[in-house]
Amino acid sequence: MTAARLERHPAIETAWVVDRYLLFDERDGVVHELNPSASAVWDLIDGARAEKDVIESLSAQFGQDLRADVQVALSDFRTRGLLSDDPVDRA
């Protein structure tokens, strides 16, 4: 069984501003401003990567284990409803 791929919720519009993402939730009109580190995580959520892939990519990029930081960001995204409720599980 493959790990579920992370998917952005389709109601979330994304805009890059200077050094971070601003996310607009079309469902309720709320704007979420991500800090640069959360933006790095958001950038890798493309429907093709699983959580472990995001962790491995960012850890390699920054030369340290970022598992806990990525998990906190993903938990926050889920709490805010920014990720799809039903991530696609592709073989």
C-alpha atoms as a PDB file:
ATOM      1  CA  MET A   1       0.000   0.000   0.000  1.00  0.00           C
ATOM      2  CA  THR A   2       1.318   3.436  -0.907  1.00  0.00           C
ATOM      3  CA  ALA A   3       1.153   6.460   1.359  1.00  0.00           C
ATOM      4  CA  ALA A   4      -1.621   8.967   0.734  1.00  0.00           C
ATOM      5  CA  ARG A   5      -0.541  11.908  -1.364  1.00  0.00           C
ATOM      6  CA  LEU A   6      -1.028  15.367   0.101  1.00  0.00           C
ATOM      7  CA  GLU A   7      -3.576  17.481  -1.761  1.00  0.00           C
ATOM      8  CA  ARG A   8      -4.431  21.160  -1.409  1.00  0.00           C
ATOM      9  CA  HIS A   9      -8.146  21.753  -0.926  1.00  0.00           C
ATOM     10  CA  PRO A  10      -9.583  22.911  -4.272  1.00  0.00           C
ATOM     11  CA  ALA A  11     -11.237  25.944  -2.619  1.00  0.00           C
ATOM     12  CA  ILE A  12      -7.842  27.383  -1.619  1.00  0.00           C
ATOM     13  CA  GLU A  13      -6.320  30.037  -3.879  1.00  0.00           C
ATOM     14  CA  THR A  14      -2.577  30.527  -3.470  1.00  0.00           C
ATOM     15  CA  ALA A  15      -0.529  33.694  -4.036  1.00  0.00           C
ATOM     16  CA  TRP A  16       3.214  34.189  -3.488  1.00  0.00           C
ATOM     17  CA  VAL A  17       3.982  37.540  -1.828  1.00  0.00           C
ATOM     18  CA  VAL A  18       7.641  38.490  -1.251  1.00  0.00           C
ATOM     19  CA  ASP A  19       8.798  35.485   0.831  1.00  0.00           C
ATOM     20  CA  ARG A  20       5.612  33.638   1.742  1.00  0.00           C
ATOM     21  CA  TYR A  21       2.270  32.359   0.567  1.00  0.00           C
ATOM     22  CA  LEU A  22      -1.076  33.992   1.180  1.00  0.00           C
ATOM     23  CA  LEU A  23      -3.932  31.517   0.956  1.00  0.00           C
ATOM     24  CA  PHE A  24      -7.498  32.609   0.257  1.00  0.00           C
ATOM     25  CA  ASP A  25     -10.246  30.208   1.295  1.00  0.00           C
ATOM     26  CA  GLU A  26     -13.145  30.684  -1.130  1.00  0.00           C
ATOM     27  CA  ARG A  27     -15.503  28.869   1.260  1.00  0.00           C
ATOM     28  CA  ASP A  28     -15.430  31.502   3.999  1.00  0.00           C
ATOM     29  CA  GLY A  29     -13.332  34.380   2.650  1.00  0.00           C
ATOM     30  CA  VAL A  30     -10.552  33.867   5.195  1.00  0.00           C
ATOM     31  CA  VAL A  31      -6.980  34.733   4.211  1.00  0.00           C
ATOM     32  CA  HIS A  32      -4.217  32.655   5.781  1.00  0.00           C
ATOM     33  CA  GLU A  33      -0.688  34.089   5.796  1.00  0.00           C
ATOM     34  CA  LEU A  34       1.978  31.412   6.018  1.00  0.00           C
ATOM     35  CA  ASN A  35       5.398  32.123   7.433  1.00  0.00           C
ATOM     36  CA  PRO A  36       8.378  31.264   5.202  1.00  0.00           C
ATOM     37  CA  SER A  37       8.896  27.796   6.700  1.00  0.00           C
ATOM     38  CA  ALA A  38       5.215  26.841   6.384  1.00  0.00           C
ATOM     39  CA  SER A  39       5.363  28.242   2.841  1.00  0.00           C
ATOM     40  CA  ALA A  40       8.205  25.825   2.047  1.00  0.00           C
ATOM     41  CA  VAL A  41       5.968  22.950   3.150  1.00  0.00           C
ATOM     42  CA  TRP A  42       2.954  24.305   1.214  1.00  0.00           C
ATOM     43  CA  ASP A  43       5.065  24.607  -1.914  1.00  0.00           C
ATOM     44  CA  LEU A  44       5.665  20.839  -1.929  1.00  0.00           C
ATOM     45  CA  ILE A  45       1.994  19.902  -1.541  1.00  0.00           C
ATOM     46  CA  ASP A  46       1.220  19.185  -5.159  1.00  0.00           C
ATOM     47  CA  GLY A  47      -0.814  15.991  -5.136  1.00  0.00           C
ATOM     48  CA  ALA A  48       2.233  13.954  -6.128  1.00  0.00           C
ATOM     49  CA  ARG A  49       4.036  13.753  -2.794  1.00  0.00           C
ATOM     50  CA  ALA A  50       3.246  11.937   0.422  1.00  0.00           C
ATOM     51  CA  GLU A  51       4.124  13.363   3.839  1.00  0.00           C
ATOM     52  CA  LYS A  52       7.371  11.382   3.975  1.00  0.00           C
ATOM     53  CA  ASP A  53       8.420  12.845   0.607  1.00  0.00           C
ATOM     54  CA  VAL A  54       7.879  16.403   1.856  1.00  0.00           C
ATOM     55  CA  ILE A  55       9.876  15.653   5.006  1.00  0.00           C
ATOM     56  CA  GLU A  56      12.726  14.057   3.046  1.00  0.00           C
ATOM     57  CA  SER A  57      12.865  16.878   0.498  1.00  0.00           C
ATOM     58  CA  LEU A  58      12.961  19.703   3.037  1.00  0.00           C
ATOM     59  CA  SER A  59      15.350  17.849   5.354  1.00  0.00           C
ATOM     60  CA  ALA A  60      17.762  17.336   2.448  1.00  0.00           C
ATOM     61  CA  GLN A  61      17.386  20.944   1.303  1.00  0.00           C
ATOM     62  CA  PHE A  62      18.173  22.380   4.742  1.00  0.00           C
ATOM     63  CA  GLY A  63      20.596  19.692   5.920  1.00  0.00           C
ATOM     64  CA  GLN A  64      18.729  18.745   9.076  1.00  0.00           C
ATOM     65  CA  ASP A  65      15.862  16.542  10.220  1.00  0.00           C
ATOM     66  CA  LEU A  66      12.699  18.624   9.795  1.00  0.00           C
ATOM     67  CA  ARG A  67      10.190  15.840  10.473  1.00  0.00           C
ATOM     68  CA  ALA A  68       8.682  17.512  13.558  1.00  0.00           C
ATOM     69  CA  ASP A  69       8.439  20.922  11.860  1.00  0.00           C
ATOM     70  CA  VAL A  70       6.757  19.506   8.758  1.00  0.00           C
ATOM     71  CA  GLN A  71       4.321  17.491  10.873  1.00  0.00           C
ATOM     72  CA  VAL A  72       3.365  20.620  12.855  1.00  0.00           C
ATOM     73  CA  ALA A  73       2.772  22.558   9.633  1.00  0.00           C
ATOM     74  CA  LEU A  74       0.679  19.752   8.126  1.00  0.00           C
ATOM     75  CA  SER A  75      -1.352  19.432  11.316  1.00  0.00           C
ATOM     76  CA  ASP A  76      -2.026  23.171  11.204  1.00  0.00           C
ATOM     77  CA  PHE A  77      -3.038  22.958   7.525  1.00  0.00           C
ATOM     78  CA  ARG A  78      -5.446  20.116   8.332  1.00  0.00           C
ATOM     79  CA  THR A  79      -6.932  21.999  11.297  1.00  0.00           C
ATOM     80  CA  ARG A  80      -7.517  25.048   9.086  1.00  0.00           C
ATOM     81  CA  GLY A  81      -9.100  22.893   6.363  1.00  0.00           C
ATOM     82  CA  LEU A  82      -6.432  23.788   3.806  1.00  0.00           C
ATOM     83  CA  LEU A  83      -5.845  20.214   2.692  1.00  0.00           C
ATOM     84  CA  SER A  84      -8.282  18.047   0.807  1.00  0.00           C
ATOM     85  CA  ASP A  85     -10.515  15.986   3.075  1.00  0.00           C
ATOM     86  CA  ASP A  86      -9.868  12.926   0.933  1.00  0.00           C
ATOM     87  CA  PRO A  87      -6.244  12.842  -0.217  1.00  0.00           C
ATOM     88  CA  VAL A  88      -5.833  10.795  -3.342  1.00  0.00           C
ATOM     89  CA  ASP A  89      -4.017   7.511  -2.826  1.00  0.00           C
ATOM     90  CA  ARG A  90      -2.282   6.751  -6.113  1.00  0.00           C
ATOM     91  CA  ALA A  91      -0.321   3.606  -6.827  1.00  0.00           C
END
